[in-house]
Amino acid sequence: MRIELDDPGRADVLALLEEHLRQMHELSPPESVHALDVNGLKAPTITFWSVREGNALLGCGALKELSPVHGEVKSMRTPAALRRRGAGRALLARILQEARSRGYTRLSLETGSADAFLPAQRLYLSVGFTYCGPFADYQPDHHSVFMTLAL
């Protein structure tokens, strides 16, 4: 398994991101979908990685700089057929490593509140994230769960 900086517009990554956005819109109303599209993931404040095994894309994720000391985990996704291989955990470890190397003191994230998001919440809890209120520009929303980790 290798984790590398990648282009969110790469064909297989783009397909995974489109799957991600489709599912987010199936599970939450439009105003509660905070997933970024490919253009959003190309912003200068975002670093984007993919996880691969051979030529197979196992997942993707990003780190967004909110301030010089605060980052946000974005677009963590693994294809449904390739889950439970450790790609998400490995990618999250890489994002944590990068956040620490940048000197961030806090890393936060927003995920959904539906049952489909419970595995993601368990992953984040397992590395020390705790539930919190909205951060940055987010507003309270019963479709969103906010989590944070002091680094």
Protein backbone atom coordinates (compact mmCIF):
# COMPACT_ATOMS: atom_id res chain seq x y z
CA MET A 1 0.00 0.00 0.00
CA ARG A 2 1.41 3.39 -0.92
CA ILE A 3 0.13 6.87 -0.14
CA GLU A 4 1.07 9.62 -2.54
CA LEU A 5 0.18 13.18 -3.39
CA ASP A 6 -2.27 12.99 -6.25
CA ASP A 7 -4.45 14.97 -8.62
CA PRO A 8 -8.15 14.81 -7.69
CA GLY A 9 -8.89 15.12 -11.42
CA ARG A 10 -7.13 11.82 -12.24
CA ALA A 11 -9.72 9.55 -13.86
CA ASP A 12 -10.01 6.85 -11.18
CA VAL A 13 -9.85 9.39 -8.35
CA LEU A 14 -12.49 11.53 -10.03
CA ALA A 15 -14.79 8.49 -10.30
CA LEU A 16 -14.32 7.81 -6.56
CA LEU A 17 -15.02 11.44 -5.70
CA GLU A 18 -18.17 11.39 -7.85
CA GLU A 19 -19.31 8.24 -5.99
CA HIS A 20 -18.60 10.06 -2.73
CA LEU A 21 -20.65 13.12 -3.71
CA ARG A 22 -23.53 10.96 -4.95
CA GLN A 23 -23.71 9.12 -1.64
CA MET A 24 -23.48 12.33 0.37
CA HIS A 25 -26.47 13.71 -1.55
CA GLU A 26 -28.39 10.45 -1.00
CA LEU A 27 -27.81 10.62 2.76
CA SER A 28 -28.15 14.35 3.46
CA PRO A 29 -30.09 17.32 2.10
CA PRO A 30 -28.08 19.57 -0.26
CA GLU A 31 -27.50 22.29 2.34
CA SER A 32 -25.91 19.69 4.64
CA VAL A 33 -23.47 18.27 2.08
CA HIS A 34 -20.02 19.70 2.76
CA ALA A 35 -17.99 17.35 0.54
CA LEU A 36 -15.78 19.15 -1.95
CA ASP A 37 -15.91 18.54 -5.67
CA VAL A 38 -12.76 18.14 -7.75
CA ASN A 39 -12.35 21.90 -8.19
CA GLY A 40 -12.67 22.48 -4.46
CA LEU A 41 -10.00 19.87 -3.83
CA LYS A 42 -7.60 21.71 -6.14
CA ALA A 43 -7.65 24.84 -3.97
CA PRO A 44 -4.22 26.04 -2.80
CA THR A 45 -5.17 25.46 0.86
CA ILE A 46 -5.73 21.74 0.22
CA THR A 47 -3.27 18.86 0.02
CA PHE A 48 -4.74 15.74 -1.59
CA TRP A 49 -3.52 12.13 -1.34
CA SER A 50 -4.52 8.79 -2.78
CA VAL A 51 -3.86 5.30 -1.44
CA ARG A 52 -3.01 2.59 -3.93
CA GLU A 53 -2.06 -1.05 -3.97
CA GLY A 54 -0.51 -1.80 -7.32
CA ASN A 55 -2.78 0.00 -9.77
CA ALA A 56 -5.87 -0.30 -7.56
CA LEU A 57 -7.16 2.89 -5.95
CA LEU A 58 -7.99 2.06 -2.32
CA GLY A 59 -8.97 5.53 -1.21
CA CYS A 60 -8.34 9.24 -1.00
CA GLY A 61 -8.29 12.05 1.50
CA ALA A 62 -7.23 15.63 1.95
CA LEU A 63 -5.97 18.14 4.48
CA LYS A 64 -7.28 21.69 4.34
CA GLU A 65 -5.49 24.52 6.11
CA LEU A 66 -8.00 26.59 8.08
CA SER A 67 -5.33 28.69 9.80
CA PRO A 68 -1.60 28.35 10.53
CA VAL A 69 -2.48 26.17 13.54
CA HIS A 70 -5.76 24.46 12.52
CA GLY A 71 -6.40 21.92 9.77
CA GLU A 72 -9.45 20.05 8.54
CA VAL A 73 -9.69 16.47 7.26
CA LYS A 74 -11.62 16.46 3.96
CA SER A 75 -12.84 13.89 1.43
CA MET A 76 -11.83 10.69 3.20
CA ARG A 77 -13.25 7.93 1.01
CA THR A 78 -12.62 4.30 0.15
CA PRO A 79 -14.50 2.44 -2.60
CA ALA A 80 -17.29 0.30 -1.13
CA ALA A 81 -15.85 -2.89 -2.64
CA LEU A 82 -12.37 -2.27 -1.21
CA ARG A 83 -13.13 -1.34 2.41
CA ARG A 84 -11.74 -3.01 5.54
CA ARG A 85 -8.17 -3.20 4.18
CA GLY A 86 -6.68 -0.48 6.36
CA ALA A 87 -6.42 2.16 3.65
CA GLY A 88 -8.53 4.71 5.53
CA ARG A 89 -6.55 4.25 8.75
CA ALA A 90 -3.24 4.52 6.85
CA LEU A 91 -4.38 7.67 5.07
CA LEU A 92 -5.61 9.24 8.29
CA ALA A 93 -2.20 8.51 9.87
CA ARG A 94 -0.54 10.29 6.93
CA ILE A 95 -2.84 13.30 7.33
CA LEU A 96 -2.09 13.43 11.07
CA GLN A 97 1.64 13.24 10.34
CA GLU A 98 1.39 16.12 7.87
CA ALA A 99 -0.71 18.23 10.25
CA ARG A 100 1.85 17.77 13.01
CA SER A 101 4.75 18.55 10.67
CA ARG A 102 3.03 21.84 9.73
CA GLY A 103 2.78 22.77 13.39
CA TYR A 104 -0.99 22.55 13.62
CA THR A 105 -2.27 22.36 17.18
CA ARG A 106 -5.74 21.17 16.16
CA LEU A 107 -7.27 19.01 13.46
CA SER A 108 -11.05 18.99 12.93
CA LEU A 109 -13.56 17.38 10.62
CA GLU A 110 -17.21 17.26 9.69
CA THR A 111 -18.94 14.01 8.84
CA GLY A 112 -22.53 12.88 8.58
CA SER A 113 -24.83 11.86 11.41
CA ALA A 114 -26.63 9.01 9.58
CA ASP A 115 -25.82 5.40 10.50
CA ALA A 116 -23.80 5.04 7.28
CA PHE A 117 -21.21 7.40 8.82
CA LEU A 118 -20.73 5.40 12.04
CA PRO A 119 -17.70 3.44 10.72
CA ALA A 120 -15.98 6.73 9.88
CA GLN A 121 -16.81 8.15 13.31
CA ARG A 122 -15.39 5.00 14.96
CA LEU A 123 -12.17 5.38 12.95
CA TYR A 124 -11.77 9.00 14.04
CA LEU A 125 -12.57 8.17 17.68
CA SER A 126 -9.99 5.36 17.61
CA VAL A 127 -7.15 7.84 16.95
CA GLY A 128 -8.29 10.33 19.58
CA PHE A 129 -10.81 12.63 17.90
CA THR A 130 -13.64 13.76 20.16
CA TYR A 131 -17.04 15.22 19.34
CA CYS A 132 -17.26 19.01 19.32
CA GLY A 133 -19.41 21.83 18.04
CA PRO A 134 -19.17 23.47 14.62
CA PHE A 135 -15.85 25.04 13.68
CA ALA A 136 -14.65 27.41 10.93
CA ASP A 137 -17.68 28.41 8.80
CA TYR A 138 -19.88 25.44 9.72
CA GLN A 139 -23.24 26.00 11.38
CA PRO A 140 -25.13 23.67 13.74
CA ASP A 141 -26.87 21.00 11.64
CA HIS A 142 -28.48 17.77 12.82
CA HIS A 143 -27.16 16.08 9.64
CA SER A 144 -23.56 16.89 10.64
CA VAL A 145 -21.23 15.56 13.31
CA PHE A 146 -18.17 17.62 14.19
CA MET A 147 -15.02 16.15 15.66
CA THR A 148 -11.65 17.54 16.72
CA LEU A 149 -8.24 16.39 17.89
CA ALA A 150 -5.68 18.42 19.82
CA LEU A 151 -2.25 17.70 18.32
